PDB file of N, CA and C in Angstrom:
ATOM      1  N   MET A   1       0.621  -1.205   0.039  1.00  0.00           N
ATOM      2  CA  MET A   1      -0.001  -0.251  -0.195  1.00  0.00           C
ATOM      3  C   MET A   1       0.885   1.091   0.101  1.00  0.00           C
ATOM      4  N   MET A   2       0.600   2.412  -0.781  1.00  0.00           N
ATOM      5  CA  MET A   2       1.247   3.307  -1.003  1.00  0.00           C
ATOM      6  C   MET A   2       0.680   4.551   0.146  1.00  0.00           C
ATOM      7  N   TRP A   3       1.691   5.151   0.725  1.00  0.00           N
ATOM      8  CA  TRP A   3       1.341   6.213   1.607  1.00  0.00           C
ATOM      9  C   TRP A   3       2.092   7.565   1.300  1.00  0.00           C
ATOM     10  N   GLY A   4       1.729   8.739   1.304  1.00  0.00           N
ATOM     11  CA  GLY A   4       2.180   9.989   0.948  1.00  0.00           C
ATOM     12  C   GLY A   4       2.688  10.501  -0.186  1.00  0.00           C
ATOM     13  N   ASN A   5       1.647  10.103  -1.329  1.00  0.00           N
ATOM     14  CA  ASN A   5       2.410  10.157  -2.484  1.00  0.00           C
ATOM     15  C   ASN A   5       3.650   9.071  -3.255  1.00  0.00           C
ATOM     16  N   GLY A   6       3.219   8.002  -2.821  1.00  0.00           N
ATOM     17  CA  GLY A   6       4.207   6.954  -3.128  1.00  0.00           C
ATOM     18  C   GLY A   6       5.430   6.785  -1.967  1.00  0.00           C
ATOM     19  N   MET A   7       5.499   7.520  -1.066  1.00  0.00           N
ATOM     20  CA  MET A   7       6.602   7.545  -0.179  1.00  0.00           C
ATOM     21  C   MET A   7       6.456   6.489   0.847  1.00  0.00           C
ATOM     22  N   ASP A   8       7.400   5.596   1.130  1.00  0.00           N
ATOM     23  CA  ASP A   8       7.267   4.550   1.998  1.00  0.00           C
ATOM     24  C   ASP A   8       7.370   5.626   3.341  1.00  0.00           C
ATOM     25  N   PRO A   9       6.590   5.080   4.451  1.00  0.00           N
ATOM     26  CA  PRO A   9       6.403   5.882   5.822  1.00  0.00           C
ATOM     27  C   PRO A   9       7.556   4.990   6.696  1.00  0.00           C
ATOM     28  N   GLY A  10       8.310   4.014   5.969  1.00  0.00           N
ATOM     29  CA  GLY A  10       9.265   3.459   6.817  1.00  0.00           C
ATOM     30  C   GLY A  10      10.834   4.521   6.700  1.00  0.00           C
ATOM     31  N   TRP A  11      10.925   5.333   5.819  1.00  0.00           N
ATOM     32  CA  TRP A  11      12.130   5.998   5.457  1.00  0.00           C
ATOM     33  C   TRP A  11      11.987   7.330   6.222  1.00  0.00           C
ATOM     34  N   ILE A  12      10.852   7.618   6.444  1.00  0.00           N
ATOM     35  CA  ILE A  12      10.582   8.932   7.383  1.00  0.00           C
ATOM     36  C   ILE A  12      11.693   9.184   8.497  1.00  0.00           C
ATOM     37  N   TRP A  13      11.911   8.284   9.166  1.00  0.00           N
ATOM     38  CA  TRP A  13      12.704   8.348  10.319  1.00  0.00           C
ATOM     39  C   TRP A  13      14.278   9.084   9.797  1.00  0.00           C
ATOM     40  N   LEU A  14      14.512   8.533   8.373  1.00  0.00           N
ATOM     41  CA  LEU A  14      15.860   9.025   8.186  1.00  0.00           C
ATOM     42  C   LEU A  14      15.956  10.375   7.834  1.00  0.00           C
ATOM     43  N   TYR A  15      14.944  10.954   7.476  1.00  0.00           N
ATOM     44  CA  TYR A  15      14.859  12.407   7.558  1.00  0.00           C
ATOM     45  C   TYR A  15      15.013  13.072   8.831  1.00  0.00           C
ATOM     46  N   GLY A  16      14.033  12.442   9.803  1.00  0.00           N
ATOM     47  CA  GLY A  16      14.169  13.282  11.034  1.00  0.00           C
ATOM     48  C   GLY A  16      15.611  12.975  11.595  1.00  0.00           C
ATOM     49  N   LEU A  17      16.352  11.874  11.242  1.00  0.00           N
ATOM     50  CA  LEU A  17      17.606  11.778  11.770  1.00  0.00           C
ATOM     51  C   LEU A  17      18.805  12.807  11.021  1.00  0.00           C
ATOM     52  N   LEU A  18      18.613  12.880   9.888  1.00  0.00           N
ATOM     53  CA  LEU A  18      19.515  13.845   9.060  1.00  0.00           C
ATOM     54  C   LEU A  18      18.980  15.402   9.583  1.00  0.00           C
ATOM     55  N   ALA A  19      18.138  15.622   9.967  1.00  0.00           N
ATOM     56  CA  ALA A  19      17.681  17.050  10.161  1.00  0.00           C
ATOM     57  C   ALA A  19      18.343  17.225  11.507  1.00  0.00           C
ATOM     58  N   MET A  20      18.012  16.031  12.765  1.00  0.00           N
ATOM     59  CA  MET A  20      19.035  16.357  13.872  1.00  0.00           C
ATOM     60  C   MET A  20      20.284  16.347  13.829  1.00  0.00           C
ATOM     61  N   ALA A  21      21.010  15.448  13.098  1.00  0.00           N
ATOM     62  CA  ALA A  21      22.527  15.820  12.678  1.00  0.00           C
ATOM     63  C   ALA A  21      22.967  17.044  12.217  1.00  0.00           C
ATOM     64  N   SER A  22      22.072  17.536  11.368  1.00  0.00           N
ATOM     65  CA  SER A  22      22.356  19.023  10.644  1.00  0.00           C
ATOM     66  C   SER A  22      22.265  20.036  11.817  1.00  0.00           C
ATOM     67  N   LEU A  23      21.186  19.787  12.805  1.00  0.00           N
ATOM     68  CA  LEU A  23      21.142  20.716  13.855  1.00  0.00           C
ATOM     69  C   LEU A  23      22.401  20.645  14.891  1.00  0.00           C
ATOM     70  N   VAL A  24      23.044  19.531  14.973  1.00  0.00           N
ATOM     71  CA  VAL A  24      23.813  19.219  15.784  1.00  0.00           C
ATOM     72  C   VAL A  24      25.027  19.914  15.185  1.00  0.00           C
ATOM     73  N   VAL A  25      25.507  19.832  13.987  1.00  0.00           N
ATOM     74  CA  VAL A  25      26.579  20.339  13.199  1.00  0.00           C
ATOM     75  C   VAL A  25      26.560  22.069  13.470  1.00  0.00           C
ATOM     76  N   VAL A  26      25.231  22.423  13.201  1.00  0.00           N
ATOM     77  CA  VAL A  26      25.096  23.777  13.284  1.00  0.00           C
ATOM     78  C   VAL A  26      25.410  24.354  14.533  1.00  0.00           C
ATOM     79  N   ILE A  27      25.040  23.891  15.412  1.00  0.00           N
ATOM     80  CA  ILE A  27      25.387  23.937  16.881  1.00  0.00           C
ATOM     81  C   ILE A  27      26.794  24.230  17.178  1.00  0.00           C
ATOM     82  N   VAL A  28      27.473  23.046  16.900  1.00  0.00           N
ATOM     83  CA  VAL A  28      28.759  22.896  17.190  1.00  0.00           C
ATOM     84  C   VAL A  28      29.652  23.833  16.442  1.00  0.00           C
ATOM     85  N   TRP A  29      29.344  24.041  15.243  1.00  0.00           N
ATOM     86  CA  TRP A  29      29.852  25.339  14.566  1.00  0.00           C
ATOM     87  C   TRP A  29      29.963  26.581  15.308  1.00  0.00           C
ATOM     88  N   ALA A  30      28.513  26.909  15.424  1.00  0.00           N
ATOM     89  CA  ALA A  30      28.431  28.394  16.181  1.00  0.00           C
ATOM     90  C   ALA A  30      29.185  28.187  17.548  1.00  0.00           C
ATOM     91  N   VAL A  31      29.109  27.071  18.440  1.00  0.00           N
ATOM     92  CA  VAL A  31      29.935  27.549  19.559  1.00  0.00           C
ATOM     93  C   VAL A  31      31.461  27.923  19.416  1.00  0.00           C
ATOM     94  N   ARG A  32      31.842  26.875  18.233  1.00  0.00           N
ATOM     95  CA  ARG A  32      33.241  27.249  17.897  1.00  0.00           C
ATOM     96  C   ARG A  32      33.743  28.530  17.424  1.00  0.00           C
ATOM     97  N   ALA A  33      32.681  28.954  16.682  1.00  0.00           N
ATOM     98  CA  ALA A  33      32.926  30.341  15.876  1.00  0.00           C
ATOM     99  C   ALA A  33      32.804  31.554  16.930  1.00  0.00           C
ATOM    100  N   LEU A  34      32.007  31.071  17.964  1.00  0.00           N
ATOM    101  CA  LEU A  34      31.971  32.488  19.141  1.00  0.00           C
ATOM    102  C   LEU A  34      32.663  32.467  19.989  1.00  0.00           C
ATOM    103  N   ARG A  35      33.617  31.241  20.350  1.00  0.00           N
ATOM    104  CA  ARG A  35      34.390  30.895  21.381  1.00  0.00           C
ATOM    105  C   ARG A  35      35.640  31.991  20.917  1.00  0.00           C
ATOM    106  N   ASN A  36      36.439  32.541  21.701  1.00  0.00           N
ATOM    107  CA  ASN A  36      37.772  33.452  21.073  1.00  0.00           C
ATOM    108  C   ASN A  36      38.735  32.752  21.711  1.00  0.00           C
ATOM    109  N   ASP A  37      39.160  31.501  20.906  1.00  0.00           N
ATOM    110  CA  ASP A  37      40.251  31.010  21.704  1.00  0.00           C
ATOM    111  C   ASP A  37      41.487  30.591  20.321  1.00  0.00           C
ATOM    112  N   GLY A  38      41.248  31.428  18.977  1.00  0.00           N
ATOM    113  CA  GLY A  38      42.481  30.981  18.175  1.00  0.00           C
ATOM    114  C   GLY A  38      42.461  32.345  17.321  1.00  0.00           C
ATOM    115  N   GLY A  39      41.701  33.577  17.847  1.00  0.00           N
ATOM    116  CA  GLY A  39      41.594  34.846  17.065  1.00  0.00           C
ATOM    117  C   GLY A  39      43.077  35.592  17.386  1.00  0.00           C
ATOM    118  N   PRO A  40      42.866  36.896  16.633  1.00  0.00           N
ATOM    119  CA  PRO A  40      44.352  37.486  16.668  1.00  0.00           C
ATOM    120  C   PRO A  40      44.354  38.285  18.317  1.00  0.00           C
ATOM    121  N   GLY A  41      45.264  37.911  19.063  1.00  0.00           N
ATOM    122  CA  GLY A  41      45.497  38.429  20.372  1.00  0.00           C
ATOM    123  C   GLY A  41      45.104  37.456  21.280  1.00  0.00           C
ATOM    124  N   ALA A  42      44.785  36.248  21.145  1.00  0.00           N
ATOM    125  CA  ALA A  42      44.310  35.228  21.785  1.00  0.00           C
ATOM    126  C   ALA A  42      45.561  34.860  22.323  1.00  0.00           C
ATOM    127  N   THR A  43      45.541  34.456  23.939  1.00  0.00           N
ATOM    128  CA  THR A  43      46.768  33.798  24.326  1.00  0.00           C
ATOM    129  C   THR A  43      46.423  32.464  24.881  1.00  0.00           C
ATOM    130  N   GLN A  44      47.345  31.450  24.663  1.00  0.00           N
ATOM    131  CA  GLN A  44      47.510  30.242  25.186  1.00  0.00           C
ATOM    132  C   GLN A  44      48.035  30.222  26.497  1.00  0.00           C
ATOM    133  N   PRO A  45      47.812  28.742  27.188  1.00  0.00           N
ATOM    134  CA  PRO A  45      48.391  29.180  28.407  1.00  0.00           C
ATOM    135  C   PRO A  45      49.795  29.111  28.907  1.00  0.00           C
ATOM    136  N   GLY A  46      50.632  28.860  28.153  1.00  0.00           N
ATOM    137  CA  GLY A  46      52.044  28.838  27.908  1.00  0.00           C
ATOM    138  C   GLY A  46      52.539  29.887  27.421  1.00  0.00           C
ATOM    139  N   ASP A  47      51.604  31.006  26.669  1.00  0.00           N
ATOM    140  CA  ASP A  47      52.288  32.176  26.231  1.00  0.00           C
ATOM    141  C   ASP A  47      52.642  33.121  27.390  1.00  0.00           C
ATOM    142  N   ALA A  48      51.883  32.958  28.671  1.00  0.00           N
ATOM    143  CA  ALA A  48      52.504  34.247  29.500  1.00  0.00           C
ATOM    144  C   ALA A  48      53.917  33.904  29.864  1.00  0.00           C
ATOM    145  N   ARG A  49      54.013  32.707  30.316  1.00  0.00           N
ATOM    146  CA  ARG A  49      55.740  32.286  30.457  1.00  0.00           C
ATOM    147  C   ARG A  49      56.651  32.766  29.305  1.00  0.00           C
ATOM    148  N   ARG A  50      56.238  32.592  28.314  1.00  0.00           N
ATOM    149  CA  ARG A  50      57.013  32.830  27.060  1.00  0.00           C
ATOM    150  C   ARG A  50      57.245  34.240  26.871  1.00  0.00           C
ATOM    151  N   ILE A  51      56.181  35.023  27.120  1.00  0.00           N
ATOM    152  CA  ILE A  51      56.522  36.524  26.992  1.00  0.00           C
ATOM    153  C   ILE A  51      57.465  37.030  27.905  1.00  0.00           C
ATOM    154  N   LEU A  52      57.280  36.445  29.335  1.00  0.00           N
ATOM    155  CA  LEU A  52      58.189  36.915  30.305  1.00  0.00           C
ATOM    156  C   LEU A  52      59.827  36.514  30.137  1.00  0.00           C
ATOM    157  N   ASP A  53      59.717  35.170  29.699  1.00  0.00           N
ATOM    158  CA  ASP A  53      61.010  34.987  28.741  1.00  0.00           C
ATOM    159  C   ASP A  53      61.758  35.718  28.124  1.00  0.00           C
ATOM    160  N   GLU A  54      60.970  36.231  26.884  1.00  0.00           N
ATOM    161  CA  GLU A  54      61.302  37.007  26.110  1.00  0.00           C
ATOM    162  C   GLU A  54      61.755  38.237  26.358  1.00  0.00           C
ATOM    163  N   ARG A  55      60.888  38.943  27.623  1.00  0.00           N
ATOM    164  CA  ARG A  55      61.165  40.286  27.928  1.00  0.00           C
ATOM    165  C   ARG A  55      62.255  40.276  28.976  1.00  0.00           C
ATOM    166  N   TYR A  56      62.589  39.189  29.608  1.00  0.00           N
ATOM    167  CA  TYR A  56      63.986  39.124  30.390  1.00  0.00           C
ATOM    168  C   TYR A  56      65.190  38.727  29.277  1.00  0.00           C
ATOM    169  N   ALA A  57      64.924  38.193  28.534  1.00  0.00           N
ATOM    170  CA  ALA A  57      66.107  38.103  27.568  1.00  0.00           C
ATOM    171  C   ALA A  57      66.376  39.258  26.910  1.00  0.00           C
ATOM    172  N   ARG A  58      65.312  40.302  26.503  1.00  0.00           N
ATOM    173  CA  ARG A  58      65.665  41.601  25.953  1.00  0.00           C
ATOM    174  C   ARG A  58      66.018  42.794  26.911  1.00  0.00           C
ATOM    175  N   GLY A  59      65.965  42.225  28.132  1.00  0.00           N
ATOM    176  CA  GLY A  59      66.812  43.010  29.545  1.00  0.00           C
ATOM    177  C   GLY A  59      65.502  44.114  29.587  1.00  0.00           C
ATOM    178  N   GLU A  60      64.356  43.635  29.454  1.00  0.00           N
ATOM    179  CA  GLU A  60      62.972  44.742  29.956  1.00  0.00           C
ATOM    180  C   GLU A  60      62.755  44.326  31.292  1.00  0.00           C
ATOM    181  N   LEU A  61      63.334  43.224  31.996  1.00  0.00           N
ATOM    182  CA  LEU A  61      62.900  42.913  33.205  1.00  0.00           C
ATOM    183  C   LEU A  61      64.376  42.565  34.048  1.00  0.00           C
ATOM    184  N   SER A  62      63.997  42.753  35.219  1.00  0.00           N
ATOM    185  CA  SER A  62      65.539  42.684  36.025  1.00  0.00           C
ATOM    186  C   SER A  62      64.877  41.233  36.726  1.00  0.00           C
ATOM    187  N   ALA A  63      66.261  40.812  37.223  1.00  0.00           N
ATOM    188  CA  ALA A  63      66.171  39.234  37.620  1.00  0.00           C
ATOM    189  C   ALA A  63      65.003  39.187  38.514  1.00  0.00           C
ATOM    190  N   GLU A  64      64.608  39.919  39.562  1.00  0.00           N
ATOM    191  CA  GLU A  64      63.866  40.004  40.618  1.00  0.00           C
ATOM    192  C   GLU A  64      62.756  40.164  40.024  1.00  0.00           C
ATOM    193  N   GLN A  65      62.178  40.995  38.855  1.00  0.00           N
ATOM    194  CA  GLN A  65      61.062  41.213  38.378  1.00  0.00           C
ATOM    195  C   GLN A  65      60.513  39.904  37.797  1.00  0.00           C
ATOM    196  N   TYR A  66      61.497  39.397  36.760  1.00  0.00           N
ATOM    197  CA  TYR A  66      61.441  38.231  36.586  1.00  0.00           C
ATOM    198  C   TYR A  66      60.772  37.164  37.159  1.00  0.00           C
ATOM    199  N   ARG A  67      61.429  36.946  38.495  1.00  0.00           N
ATOM    200  CA  ARG A  67      61.399  35.800  39.604  1.00  0.00           C
ATOM    201  C   ARG A  67      59.893  36.136  40.029  1.00  0.00           C
ATOM    202  N   GLN A  68      59.753  37.088  40.149  1.00  0.00           N
ATOM    203  CA  GLN A  68      58.391  37.652  40.877  1.00  0.00           C
ATOM    204  C   GLN A  68      57.224  37.246  39.906  1.00  0.00           C
ATOM    205  N   GLN A  69      57.341  37.785  38.771  1.00  0.00           N
ATOM    206  CA  GLN A  69      56.341  37.523  38.009  1.00  0.00           C
ATOM    207  C   GLN A  69      55.965  36.065  37.380  1.00  0.00           C
ATOM    208  N   VAL A  70      57.113  35.132  37.372  1.00  0.00           N
ATOM    209  CA  VAL A  70      56.964  33.841  37.164  1.00  0.00           C
ATOM    210  C   VAL A  70      56.419  33.262  38.319  1.00  0.00           C
ATOM    211  N   ALA A  71      56.707  33.593  39.587  1.00  0.00           N
ATOM    212  CA  ALA A  71      56.066  32.909  40.799  1.00  0.00           C
ATOM    213  C   ALA A  71      54.533  33.419  41.013  1.00  0.00           C
ATOM    214  N   GLU A  72      54.300  34.678  40.419  1.00  0.00           N
ATOM    215  CA  GLU A  72      52.697  34.672  40.038  1.00  0.00           C
ATOM    216  C   GLU A  72      51.930  34.009  39.244  1.00  0.00           C
ATOM    217  N   LEU A  73      52.921  33.610  38.407  1.00  0.00           N
ATOM    218  CA  LEU A  73      52.060  32.797  37.294  1.00  0.00           C
ATOM    219  C   LEU A  73      52.094  31.247  38.153  1.00  0.00           C
ATOM    220  N   GLY A  74      52.635  30.837  39.014  1.00  0.00           N
ATOM    221  CA  GLY A  74      52.628  29.522  40.000  1.00  0.00           C
ATOM    222  C   GLY A  74      53.387  28.715  38.979  1.00  0.00           C
ATOM    223  N   GLU A  75      54.635  29.136  38.334  1.00  0.00           N
ATOM    224  CA  GLU A  75      55.694  28.288  38.015  1.00  0.00           C
ATOM    225  C   GLU A  75      57.082  28.589  38.719  1.00  0.00           C
ATOM    226  N   GLU A  76      58.073  27.735  38.465  1.00  0.00           N
ATOM    227  CA  GLU A  76      59.470  27.599  38.935  1.00  0.00           C
ATOM    228  C   GLU A  76      60.164  28.602  37.920  1.00  0.00           C
ATOM    229  N   PRO A  77      61.077  29.445  38.356  1.00  0.00           N
ATOM    230  CA  PRO A  77      62.051  30.192  37.387  1.00  0.00           C
ATOM    231  C   PRO A  77      63.210  29.349  36.972  1.00  0.00           C
TER     232      PRO A  77
END
């Protein structure tokens, strides 16, 4: 017996599954696009130490300033 202009109702679940998968893909894309973890000016966890090391190497920080700021980061000099 034909239902819905010749469409077998047993395949309707496939369209629902595809719609839900598409919705999940759109949500994941939107979350990644709205998060600011890779744009210009974004810093990674190790960047603060690297910046301190560079400033110390250029002579912008004294040894005491360097040790103090590294300690504030919770790391060892």
